[in-house]
C-alpha cells in the first residue's frame, strides 16, 4: 500500500492511500490544551523530525455525548445515526485535523473544503464515518479537511469577566482553535495539493453556527474565501454579562471560589464536562441545551455579534451558501413519546417559546396552509421554520452588508426510514453533501437519494471551485435577492423556486429570534 509522506511546518507526516485518495489523520495543529494551557489561546505544536504516522484519528474533545430518550423510537434513530455519532477516545490533546487529497505532494492548486462539525458547541468531532471525505475528493478533485477543537466549558467558559488578566480569551478559546486550524491550512495545504487562496469553510447545525461566527471574527479574515451554513444560523453570540453568570455557576458547582479561579486548571476534564452537562440541563445560559457554553462578544476575538443587528464588515466579501432542511424538528419530535397525539393547547405552548405574543397568529397561518394537519404537524412545521427564518434573516443582513452573493437552498428530500416519520430531518443533508448516502442508513432506501447526493455534492464542489454553486446537469442556481428570493430545492428532482413557503416566512416578520 502506498504511504505518502508530506512535510508540514511542524514536521513530516505519513498517511495512507485508499481508493485513489491520500488520507492523513490526526495531524496536530496545536499543543495539548490541558493544565496551564486551559482556557487560553492555542499554541503551535512542538515540532518533530522523524516521520510521524498519520493513519489514525486523534482524540475528540472531552464531551458528554448526545443524550436521547429511552423510548424505542429514540433508540431506533440512534441506531440509524450511528455513523454520525461514533464515539472516539477523548482527551485535551485534541487540536488535530484530518486531510483527504487526490494526490498529496503534487503541488496542485485544488479548492480546499474545511468541514466544521456540528453537535451544538459541546459534542461530536471530525472523525465520524458520515463525514469521510473520500467520495467528495474523488468526484471533485478537491482537498477536504475535518477539524477537532475544544468544546463546551473547556472551549467557551468566559472567565474574562472574573479574571481578565489571566483569562481574557477563554470565552472563545474553541473558536481560536479553529482560527489556528485555518492558519495551519494557509501554511501547509499547498503541500497536500490544495490552494491556500481558495478555502471554503462549511458546516451543519453547530458547525454552521461556527461558520457564521467565524464570518464575524476579524482574526479569521483572509483565512477562508467562501462559506456554507447548513441548518445553523447564528445571528447573536452570548453577551459577556450572561456568560459571566454561567461561569460563576460552573465555579460554584465545582466548589471553586471567585478568588481561586486558577484551581479550575487542575480539575479533571470529565468533572468539568459533567458539571457543564448539569447546568445545561437546568437551562443555564441564553439558549441552554449545548449553547450555555458558546462564543462570547468579548471585545477581543469577537468584538460584536456576527449578524445582529447587521452583518459584520468581515463577512462582506465572502460568498455564502445558506439553507435548512424542510423538516428540521422531526429528528427531535419523532422520539418524544406521545408527541404525535399532542393537543392544540400544549402545542401552542411549544410554539410560544419562539413566537411569544404572536403565537396564535403564527399557528393559525401554518394551520391554514396545511389543511387537515394535526397540532403536532403544525408545531413541527413552525419550529422547523424557526431555523429557516433565522437563515433567511442572516442572508438578508449579509446582502445588505456587502457585495458578495448569497445562495439559499431548502433540502426537501424525505427519507423513508422508520415509516417516513423523519421526512427531511435535521442533519439528513450531511450524507448528501459528502456523497455518502450509500453507506448512511438514515438516508433510507429510495433510489433517488443518489441523484440528490450528486446534485448537492456537485453544487458544493462548484461553489468551492468558482463561487457559483450552479452544477452541470442541475438547474441554474441564481443568487438570492429580496425581490425574487430564488431558492434551490434539493429534492428528486431539484428545482428553483421563488420564495417557497412565502406566507409562512412573512408571518415571522417582527418576531425576534434568540439565535
Protein backbone atom coordinates (compact mmCIF):
# COMPACT_ATOMS: atom_id res chain seq x y z
CA UNK A 1 0.00 0.00 0.00
CA UNK A 2 1.22 3.46 -0.88
CA UNK A 3 2.24 5.53 2.15
CA UNK A 4 2.56 9.17 1.09
CA UNK A 5 4.77 11.50 3.14
CA UNK A 6 4.25 15.26 3.31
CA UNK A 7 6.44 17.84 5.02
CA UNK A 8 4.47 20.23 7.23
CA UNK A 9 5.70 23.27 9.14
CA UNK A 10 5.94 21.08 12.26
CA UNK A 11 7.50 18.01 10.67
CA UNK A 12 6.89 15.17 8.20
CA UNK A 13 3.66 13.12 8.32
CA UNK A 14 2.93 9.81 6.69
CA UNK A 15 -0.58 8.93 5.56
CA UNK A 16 -2.05 6.12 3.51
CA UNK A 17 -3.71 5.74 0.13
CA UNK A 18 -7.17 4.25 -0.30
CA UNK A 19 -9.40 4.23 -3.38
CA UNK A 20 -7.08 6.66 -5.13
CA UNK A 21 -7.19 9.19 -2.28
CA UNK A 22 -4.36 10.15 0.06
CA UNK A 23 -5.60 10.26 3.65
CA UNK A 24 -3.87 11.81 6.66
CA UNK A 25 -5.50 11.53 10.08
CA UNK A 26 -4.77 13.08 13.45
CA UNK A 27 -2.27 15.75 12.34
CA UNK A 28 -1.60 18.13 15.25
CA UNK A 29 -2.19 21.81 14.56
CA UNK A 30 -1.76 22.81 18.22
CA UNK A 31 -0.35 21.65 21.53
CA UNK A 32 -2.29 19.95 24.29
CA UNK A 33 -4.85 22.25 25.92
CA UNK A 34 -4.57 20.64 29.35
CA UNK A 35 -3.38 22.18 32.61
CA UNK A 36 -1.99 25.68 32.37
CA UNK A 37 -2.98 25.77 28.66
CA UNK A 38 -6.66 25.53 29.54
CA UNK A 39 -8.87 28.50 28.67
CA UNK A 40 -6.02 30.16 26.79
CA UNK A 41 -5.37 30.64 23.06
CA UNK A 42 -3.92 27.62 21.26
CA UNK A 43 -0.20 27.29 20.71
CA UNK A 44 1.56 25.78 17.72
CA UNK A 45 2.54 22.12 18.18
CA UNK A 46 6.04 21.21 19.21
CA UNK A 47 7.99 20.32 16.06
CA UNK A 48 9.21 16.82 15.26
CA UNK A 49 11.91 15.48 12.95
CA UNK A 50 11.06 11.80 12.46
CA UNK A 51 8.25 10.87 10.12
CA UNK A 52 5.04 10.93 12.16
CA UNK A 53 2.35 8.34 11.34
CA UNK A 54 -0.94 10.00 10.39
CA UNK A 55 -3.15 6.95 9.85
CA UNK A 56 -5.44 7.09 12.90
CA UNK A 57 -7.86 9.74 14.12
CA UNK A 58 -6.74 11.78 17.09
CA UNK A 59 -8.63 12.44 20.32
CA UNK A 60 -12.03 14.10 20.31
CA UNK A 61 -12.52 16.98 22.72
CA UNK A 62 -13.82 15.92 26.16
CA UNK A 63 -17.62 15.78 25.96
CA UNK A 64 -20.70 14.18 27.44
CA UNK A 65 -22.13 12.90 24.18
CA UNK A 66 -25.59 13.30 22.71
CA UNK A 67 -28.30 12.50 25.27
CA UNK A 68 -31.51 10.91 23.94
CA UNK A 69 -34.60 9.35 25.39
CA UNK A 70 -35.02 5.72 26.33
CA UNK A 71 -38.05 5.01 24.15
CA UNK A 72 -37.95 2.58 21.21
CA UNK A 73 -38.13 5.34 18.60
CA UNK A 74 -35.21 7.20 20.17
CA UNK A 75 -33.12 4.04 20.18
CA UNK A 76 -34.06 3.31 16.58
CA UNK A 77 -32.94 6.78 15.47
CA UNK A 78 -29.67 6.47 17.37
CA UNK A 79 -29.01 3.10 15.73
CA UNK A 80 -29.65 4.56 12.28
CA UNK A 81 -27.46 7.57 13.04
CA UNK A 82 -24.58 5.52 14.42
CA UNK A 83 -22.29 6.60 11.58
CA UNK A 84 -22.56 10.24 12.69
CA UNK A 85 -22.44 9.61 16.45
CA UNK A 86 -19.48 7.25 16.63
CA UNK A 87 -17.76 7.68 19.98
CA UNK A 88 -14.00 8.04 19.86
CA UNK A 89 -11.43 8.36 22.62
CA UNK A 90 -11.32 11.77 24.20
CA UNK A 91 -8.60 14.00 25.57
CA UNK A 92 -7.43 17.55 25.88
CA UNK A 93 -4.72 16.94 23.27
CA UNK A 94 -7.50 17.34 20.73
CA UNK A 95 -6.17 20.02 18.36
CA UNK A 96 -5.89 17.68 15.39
CA UNK A 97 -7.17 17.63 11.84
CA UNK A 98 -7.66 15.17 9.01
CA UNK A 99 -6.91 15.63 5.31
CA UNK A 100 -8.22 13.86 2.20
CA UNK A 101 -6.41 14.79 -1.01
CA UNK A 102 -6.31 13.40 -4.57
CA UNK A 103 -2.52 13.44 -4.75
CA UNK A 104 -0.74 14.93 -1.76
CA UNK A 105 2.60 16.44 -2.59
CA UNK A 106 1.96 17.13 -6.29
CA UNK A 107 1.85 20.91 -5.69
CA UNK A 108 -1.57 21.22 -7.30
CA UNK A 109 -3.82 24.17 -6.56
CA UNK A 110 -7.12 22.48 -5.78
CA UNK A 111 -10.05 24.05 -3.95
CA UNK A 112 -9.90 23.38 -0.21
CA UNK A 113 -13.04 22.48 1.78
CA UNK A 114 -12.79 22.62 5.58
CA UNK A 115 -15.68 20.94 7.44
CA UNK A 116 -16.61 22.21 10.91
CA UNK A 117 -18.57 19.53 12.76
CA UNK A 118 -21.92 20.01 14.46
CA UNK A 119 -23.05 18.88 17.89
CA UNK A 120 -24.02 22.36 19.11
CA UNK A 121 -20.89 23.72 20.82
CA UNK A 122 -20.49 20.76 23.13
CA UNK A 123 -20.32 17.45 21.25
CA UNK A 124 -19.06 15.46 18.25
CA UNK A 125 -15.79 15.56 16.28
CA UNK A 126 -14.31 15.49 12.81
CA UNK A 127 -13.84 11.73 12.90
CA UNK A 128 -17.25 10.22 12.10
CA UNK A 129 -17.63 7.94 9.02
CA UNK A 130 -20.52 10.15 7.88
CA UNK A 131 -18.05 12.94 7.04
CA UNK A 132 -15.32 10.80 5.50
CA UNK A 133 -14.04 12.96 2.66
CA UNK A 134 -13.08 10.19 0.22
CA UNK A 135 -16.10 10.37 -2.09
CA UNK A 136 -16.14 14.17 -2.19
CA UNK A 137 -12.45 14.23 -3.15
CA UNK A 138 -12.85 11.56 -5.82
CA UNK A 139 -15.75 13.27 -7.55
CA UNK A 140 -14.49 16.85 -7.36
CA UNK A 141 -10.68 16.99 -7.37
CA UNK A 142 -10.77 18.99 -4.13
CA UNK A 143 -8.92 18.75 -0.82
CA UNK A 144 -11.16 18.09 2.21
CA UNK A 145 -10.35 18.62 5.88
CA UNK A 146 -12.18 17.95 9.13
CA UNK A 147 -11.15 19.51 12.44
CA UNK A 148 -11.31 18.76 16.17
CA UNK A 149 -11.25 21.62 18.65
CA UNK A 150 -12.17 22.47 22.24
CA UNK A 151 -15.86 22.17 23.10
CA UNK A 152 -18.22 23.06 25.91
CA UNK A 153 -16.87 24.72 29.03
CA UNK A 154 -13.29 23.82 28.12
CA UNK A 155 -13.67 25.83 24.94
CA UNK A 156 -16.17 28.54 25.87
CA UNK A 157 -16.28 29.32 29.59
CA UNK A 158 -15.95 33.10 29.85
CA UNK A 159 -13.59 33.86 32.73
CA UNK A 160 -12.59 37.22 31.29
CA UNK A 161 -15.25 38.98 33.36
CA UNK A 162 -13.80 37.49 36.56
CA UNK A 163 -10.05 37.45 35.86
CA UNK A 164 -9.34 39.47 32.70
CA UNK A 165 -5.60 39.40 33.26
CA UNK A 166 -5.18 35.61 33.19
CA UNK A 167 -8.12 34.51 31.02
CA UNK A 168 -9.12 37.30 28.62
CA UNK A 169 -9.73 34.92 25.68
CA UNK A 170 -11.30 31.96 27.50
CA UNK A 171 -14.82 32.58 26.19
CA UNK A 172 -13.77 31.97 22.60
CA UNK A 173 -10.88 29.53 23.01
CA UNK A 174 -12.63 26.92 20.85
CA UNK A 175 -13.09 29.44 18.05
CA UNK A 176 -9.46 30.49 18.32
CA UNK A 177 -8.63 26.79 17.84
CA UNK A 178 -10.49 26.94 14.52
CA UNK A 179 -8.58 30.07 13.55
CA UNK A 180 -5.35 28.19 14.33
CA UNK A 181 -6.53 25.29 12.16
CA UNK A 182 -7.19 27.69 9.29
CA UNK A 183 -3.74 29.20 9.79
CA UNK A 184 -2.37 25.65 9.51
CA UNK A 185 -4.27 25.32 6.23
CA UNK A 186 -2.79 28.60 4.97
CA UNK A 187 0.74 27.47 5.83
CA UNK A 188 0.57 23.79 4.82
CA UNK A 189 -2.22 22.93 2.43
CA UNK A 190 -0.17 23.59 -0.72
CA UNK A 191 1.98 20.60 0.26
CA UNK A 192 -1.17 18.46 0.13
CA UNK A 193 -2.14 19.75 -3.31
CA UNK A 194 -4.53 22.45 -2.10
CA UNK A 195 -4.79 26.15 -2.88
CA UNK A 196 -4.45 28.30 0.28
CA UNK A 197 -6.05 31.21 -1.58
CA UNK A 198 -9.25 29.22 -2.30
CA UNK A 199 -10.55 27.87 1.01
CA UNK A 200 -14.23 27.18 1.78
CA UNK A 201 -15.47 26.54 5.31
CA UNK A 202 -18.71 24.59 5.64
CA UNK A 203 -20.65 23.03 8.48
CA UNK A 204 -24.07 21.88 9.66
CA UNK A 205 -26.05 22.76 12.81
CA UNK A 206 -23.44 23.76 15.41
CA UNK A 207 -20.91 23.60 12.60
CA UNK A 208 -22.97 26.11 10.64
CA UNK A 209 -23.01 28.34 13.70
CA UNK A 210 -19.22 28.08 13.81
CA UNK A 211 -19.08 29.20 10.18
CA UNK A 212 -21.41 32.13 10.94
CA UNK A 213 -19.33 33.19 13.92
CA UNK A 214 -16.04 32.94 12.03
CA UNK A 215 -17.55 35.28 9.46
CA UNK A 216 -17.74 37.80 12.30
CA UNK A 217 -14.21 37.28 13.62
CA UNK A 218 -11.55 39.74 12.43
CA UNK A 219 -8.92 37.14 13.44
CA UNK A 220 -10.23 34.86 10.70
CA UNK A 221 -10.39 37.43 7.92
CA UNK A 222 -8.49 36.25 4.86
CA UNK A 223 -8.10 32.67 6.09
CA UNK A 224 -11.14 31.49 4.11
CA UNK A 225 -12.79 32.80 0.98
CA UNK A 226 -16.23 31.15 0.79
CA UNK A 227 -18.64 29.81 3.39
CA UNK A 228 -21.56 27.39 3.70
CA UNK A 229 -24.03 27.38 6.61
CA UNK A 230 -26.25 24.29 6.77
CA UNK A 231 -29.12 24.44 9.30
CA UNK A 232 -27.04 26.57 11.64
CA UNK A 233 -27.76 30.30 11.54
CA UNK A 234 -26.19 32.33 14.32
CA UNK A 235 -27.07 35.99 14.46
CA UNK A 236 -26.00 36.69 18.03
CA UNK A 237 -23.37 35.36 20.42
CA UNK A 238 -23.70 35.48 24.19
CA UNK A 239 -23.11 38.75 25.99
CA UNK A 240 -20.22 38.98 28.43
CA UNK A 241 -22.70 39.62 31.24
CA UNK A 242 -24.72 36.45 30.59
CA UNK A 243 -21.59 34.39 30.04
CA UNK A 244 -20.15 35.58 33.37
CA UNK A 245 -23.29 34.35 35.16
CA UNK A 246 -22.76 30.93 33.57
CA UNK A 247 -19.07 30.91 34.56
CA UNK A 248 -19.95 31.69 38.18
CA UNK A 249 -22.46 28.83 38.20
CA UNK A 250 -19.83 26.38 36.94
CA UNK A 251 -17.27 27.51 39.50
CA UNK A 252 -19.81 27.28 42.29
CA UNK A 253 -20.88 23.82 41.22
CA UNK A 254 -17.26 22.67 41.34
CA UNK A 255 -16.68 24.27 44.74
CA UNK A 256 -14.22 26.86 43.43
CA UNK A 257 -14.30 30.39 44.82
CA UNK A 258 -14.06 33.52 42.69
CA UNK A 259 -10.69 34.29 44.26
CA UNK A 260 -9.17 30.93 43.29
CA UNK A 261 -10.17 30.52 39.64
CA UNK A 262 -6.78 29.07 38.72
CA UNK A 263 -7.81 25.87 40.53
CA UNK A 264 -10.03 25.20 37.52
CA UNK A 265 -6.90 24.34 35.53
CA UNK A 266 -6.35 21.23 37.66
CA UNK A 267 -9.89 19.87 37.87
CA UNK A 268 -10.20 16.62 35.85
CA UNK A 269 -11.75 17.36 32.47
CA UNK A 270 -14.54 14.82 32.95
CA UNK A 271 -15.67 16.62 36.12
CA UNK A 272 -15.89 19.91 34.25
CA UNK A 273 -17.87 18.25 31.45
CA UNK A 274 -20.24 16.63 33.96
CA UNK A 275 -20.92 19.94 35.71
CA UNK A 276 -21.40 21.63 32.34
CA UNK A 277 -23.98 18.99 31.43
CA UNK A 278 -25.88 19.56 34.68
CA UNK A 279 -26.00 23.29 34.12
CA UNK A 280 -27.19 22.93 30.53
CA UNK A 281 -29.94 20.51 31.50
CA UNK A 282 -31.10 23.13 34.01
CA UNK A 283 -31.34 25.84 31.37
CA UNK A 284 -28.33 27.94 32.42
CA UNK A 285 -27.26 30.28 29.62
CA UNK A 286 -29.08 32.15 26.89
CA UNK A 287 -30.13 29.07 24.93
CA UNK A 288 -29.24 26.05 27.06
CA UNK A 289 -29.01 22.58 25.51
CA UNK A 290 -25.43 22.76 24.28
CA UNK A 291 -25.33 26.55 23.98
CA UNK A 292 -24.75 27.61 27.59
CA UNK A 293 -21.05 27.48 26.78
CA UNK A 294 -20.71 29.06 23.35
CA UNK A 295 -18.97 32.13 21.86
CA UNK A 296 -19.00 35.44 23.68
CA UNK A 297 -18.89 39.03 22.49
CA UNK A 298 -15.74 39.72 24.49
CA UNK A 299 -14.46 42.87 22.77
CA UNK A 300 -11.36 40.98 21.66
CA UNK A 301 -11.60 37.96 19.34
CA UNK A 302 -15.33 38.57 18.82
CA UNK A 303 -15.88 42.35 19.03
CA UNK A 304 -19.59 42.27 18.11
CA UNK A 305 -22.45 39.96 17.26
CA UNK A 306 -21.82 38.30 13.87
CA UNK A 307 -25.15 39.27 12.26
CA UNK A 308 -27.06 41.39 14.75
CA UNK A 309 -28.31 43.99 14.21
CA UNK A 310 -26.33 43.94 10.94
CA UNK A 311 -23.67 41.78 9.34
CA UNK A 312 -20.14 42.49 10.47
CA UNK A 313 -17.76 44.06 7.96
CA UNK A 314 -15.55 40.94 7.96
CA UNK A 315 -18.39 38.98 6.29
CA UNK A 316 -18.95 41.42 3.46
CA UNK A 317 -16.74 39.92 0.76
CA UNK A 318 -17.22 36.21 1.43
CA UNK A 319 -19.73 34.44 -0.87
CA UNK A 320 -22.18 32.34 1.11
CA UNK A 321 -24.48 29.34 0.69
CA UNK A 322 -27.07 29.09 3.45
CA UNK A 323 -30.10 26.86 3.89
CA UNK A 324 -32.05 24.43 6.02
CA UNK A 325 -33.98 21.17 5.89
CA UNK A 326 -37.72 21.25 5.37
CA UNK A 327 -38.50 19.18 8.47
CA UNK A 328 -35.67 20.09 10.86
CA UNK A 329 -37.55 19.30 14.07
CA UNK A 330 -38.72 15.78 13.24
CA UNK A 331 -35.35 14.48 14.44
CA UNK A 332 -36.44 15.58 17.91
CA UNK A 333 -40.23 15.35 17.88
CA UNK A 334 -40.23 11.83 16.44
CA UNK A 335 -38.51 10.48 19.56
CA UNK A 336 -40.85 12.27 22.01
CA UNK A 337 -43.38 9.70 23.28
CA UNK A 338 -46.92 10.84 22.54
CA UNK A 339 -45.93 13.96 20.62
CA UNK A 340 -47.91 12.90 17.56
CA UNK A 341 -51.07 13.00 19.73
CA UNK A 342 -50.41 16.40 21.30
CA UNK A 343 -53.45 18.67 21.64
CA UNK A 344 -53.60 22.21 20.33
CA UNK A 345 -53.22 23.96 23.69
CA UNK A 346 -49.91 22.32 24.71
CA UNK A 347 -48.76 22.54 21.08
CA UNK A 348 -49.19 26.30 21.23
CA UNK A 349 -47.17 26.38 24.44
CA UNK A 350 -44.24 24.95 22.47
CA UNK A 351 -44.71 27.43 19.64
CA UNK A 352 -44.88 30.19 22.24
CA UNK A 353 -41.28 29.52 23.20
CA UNK A 354 -40.23 31.16 19.94
CA UNK A 355 -43.29 33.22 18.95
CA UNK A 356 -44.32 34.81 22.23
CA UNK A 357 -47.41 37.01 21.92
CA UNK A 358 -47.63 36.22 18.21
CA UNK A 359 -48.24 32.51 18.87
CA UNK A 360 -51.91 32.34 17.89
CA UNK A 361 -51.32 34.29 14.69
CA UNK A 362 -48.33 32.19 13.65
CA UNK A 363 -50.04 28.91 14.49
CA UNK A 364 -53.12 29.93 12.50
CA UNK A 365 -51.05 30.85 9.43
CA UNK A 366 -49.30 27.48 9.37
CA UNK A 367 -52.52 25.56 10.01
CA UNK A 368 -54.29 27.37 7.16
CA UNK A 369 -51.53 26.36 4.75
CA UNK A 370 -51.76 22.73 5.86
CA UNK A 371 -55.47 21.80 5.84
CA UNK A 372 -56.15 18.69 7.87
CA UNK A 373 -52.82 18.78 9.69
CA UNK A 374 -52.64 17.74 13.33
CA UNK A 375 -51.39 20.13 16.03
CA UNK A 376 -48.19 18.05 16.13
CA UNK A 377 -47.62 18.55 12.39
CA UNK A 378 -48.30 22.28 12.59
CA UNK A 379 -45.96 22.66 15.57
CA UNK A 380 -43.20 20.73 13.83
CA UNK A 381 -43.52 22.95 10.76
CA UNK A 382 -43.36 26.14 12.84
CA UNK A 383 -40.35 25.05 14.86
CA UNK A 384 -38.58 23.79 11.74
CA UNK A 385 -39.08 27.19 10.15
CA UNK A 386 -37.58 28.85 13.22
CA UNK A 387 -34.25 27.65 11.80
CA UNK A 388 -35.22 28.52 8.21
CA UNK A 389 -36.35 32.05 9.03
CA UNK A 390 -33.19 32.62 11.05
CA UNK A 391 -31.17 31.58 8.00
CA UNK A 392 -33.16 33.91 5.75
CA UNK A 393 -32.55 36.81 8.12
CA UNK A 394 -28.84 36.08 8.13
CA UNK A 395 -28.91 36.03 4.32
CA UNK A 396 -30.79 39.34 4.21
CA UNK A 397 -28.35 41.03 6.57
CA UNK A 398 -25.37 39.68 4.70
CA UNK A 399 -26.75 41.01 1.41
CA UNK A 400 -27.23 44.42 2.99
CA UNK A 401 -23.69 44.37 4.34
CA UNK A 402 -21.64 43.94 1.20
CA UNK A 403 -21.21 42.96 -2.41
CA UNK A 404 -20.65 39.21 -2.22
CA UNK A 405 -23.50 36.92 -3.33
CA UNK A 406 -25.67 34.72 -1.14
CA UNK A 407 -27.24 31.48 -2.38
CA UNK A 408 -30.19 29.98 -0.47
CA UNK A 409 -31.44 26.39 -0.51
CA UNK A 410 -34.10 24.18 1.08
CA UNK A 411 -33.34 20.48 1.45
CA UNK A 412 -36.67 18.71 0.96
CA UNK A 413 -35.76 15.08 0.21
CA UNK A 414 -37.62 12.78 2.61
CA UNK A 415 -36.06 9.59 3.94
CA UNK A 416 -38.28 6.52 4.07
CA UNK A 417 -36.76 5.01 7.23
CA UNK A 418 -38.99 4.35 10.25
CA UNK A 419 -42.08 4.59 8.11
CA UNK A 420 -41.15 8.03 6.79
CA UNK A 421 -41.70 9.82 10.11
CA UNK A 422 -38.42 11.76 9.89
CA UNK A 423 -39.07 13.26 6.44
CA UNK A 424 -36.33 15.82 5.64
CA UNK A 425 -34.96 15.87 9.18
CA UNK A 426 -32.19 17.90 10.77
CA UNK A 427 -28.78 16.53 9.79
CA UNK A 428 -30.04 14.35 6.94
CA UNK A 429 -28.33 16.62 4.40
CA UNK A 430 -24.78 15.88 5.59
CA UNK A 431 -24.55 12.48 3.90
CA UNK A 432 -25.77 14.05 0.64
CA UNK A 433 -23.16 16.82 0.68
CA UNK A 434 -20.39 14.28 1.32
CA UNK A 435 -21.84 11.80 -1.23
CA UNK A 436 -22.02 9.18 1.50
CA UNK A 437 -25.70 8.20 1.18
CA UNK A 438 -24.91 4.63 0.14
CA UNK A 439 -23.28 3.93 3.50
CA UNK A 440 -25.55 6.04 5.73
CA UNK A 441 -28.60 4.15 6.98
CA UNK A 442 -30.52 7.29 7.93
CA UNK A 443 -30.87 8.28 4.25
CA UNK A 444 -33.17 5.32 3.62
CA UNK A 445 -33.62 3.16 0.53
CA UNK A 446 -35.24 5.42 -2.06
CA UNK A 447 -33.13 5.06 -5.23
CA UNK A 448 -33.46 8.80 -5.98
CA UNK A 449 -31.31 9.60 -2.97
CA UNK A 450 -28.15 9.20 -5.04
CA UNK A 451 -29.46 11.71 -7.60
CA UNK A 452 -29.94 14.25 -4.80
CA UNK A 453 -26.48 13.46 -3.44
CA UNK A 454 -25.00 14.04 -6.89
CA UNK A 455 -26.72 17.41 -7.06
CA UNK A 456 -25.65 18.58 -3.61
CA UNK A 457 -22.08 17.33 -3.74
CA UNK A 458 -21.55 18.80 -7.21
CA UNK A 459 -23.09 22.13 -6.16
CA UNK A 460 -20.86 22.38 -3.09
CA UNK A 461 -17.80 21.49 -5.19
CA UNK A 462 -18.74 24.04 -7.87
CA UNK A 463 -19.15 26.71 -5.21
CA UNK A 464 -15.81 25.85 -3.61
CA UNK A 465 -14.17 26.00 -7.01
CA UNK A 466 -15.66 29.15 -8.53
CA UNK A 467 -18.01 30.80 -6.02
CA UNK A 468 -21.03 29.83 -8.15
CA UNK A 469 -22.91 26.69 -7.00
CA UNK A 470 -24.61 26.04 -10.35
CA UNK A 471 -23.60 22.49 -11.23
CA UNK A 472 -23.61 20.68 -14.55
CA UNK A 473 -26.85 18.79 -15.15
CA UNK A 474 -28.75 20.79 -12.48
CA UNK A 475 -30.96 23.87 -12.71
CA UNK A 476 -29.05 27.14 -12.71
CA UNK A 477 -28.90 28.42 -9.12
CA UNK A 478 -29.43 32.21 -9.04
CA UNK A 479 -28.10 34.40 -6.26
CA UNK A 480 -30.65 35.39 -3.62
CA UNK A 481 -32.34 38.78 -3.84
CA UNK A 482 -35.10 40.35 -1.77
CA UNK A 483 -37.20 40.71 -4.91
CA UNK A 484 -37.23 37.08 -6.15
CA UNK A 485 -35.86 35.14 -3.14
CA UNK A 486 -34.70 32.37 -5.50
CA UNK A 487 -34.18 29.15 -3.56
CA UNK A 488 -32.70 25.86 -4.73
CA UNK A 489 -34.93 22.97 -3.67
CA UNK A 490 -32.86 19.83 -3.23
CA UNK A 491 -35.29 17.00 -3.91
CA UNK A 492 -35.99 14.45 -6.62
CA UNK A 493 -35.89 16.27 -8.98
CA UNK A 494 -34.18 19.51 -7.94
CA UNK A 495 -35.78 22.83 -8.85
CA UNK A 496 -35.51 26.55 -8.21
CA UNK A 497 -38.48 28.29 -6.61
CA UNK A 498 -39.01 31.92 -5.75
CA UNK A 499 -39.88 32.49 -2.09
CA UNK A 500 -41.05 28.96 -1.17
CA UNK A 501 -43.45 28.96 1.78
CA UNK A 502 -43.58 32.71 1.41
CA UNK A 503 -46.72 33.21 3.50
CA UNK A 504 -45.12 31.40 6.41
CA UNK A 505 -41.92 33.41 6.05
CA UNK A 506 -43.86 36.66 6.05
CA UNK A 507 -45.76 35.63 9.18
CA UNK A 508 -42.49 35.72 11.14
CA UNK A 509 -41.85 39.38 10.40
CA UNK A 510 -41.49 41.34 13.62
CA UNK A 511 -40.81 38.25 15.76
CA UNK A 512 -37.43 38.42 17.45
CA UNK A 513 -35.31 35.28 17.19
CA UNK A 514 -32.86 34.45 20.02
CA UNK A 515 -30.45 32.82 17.57
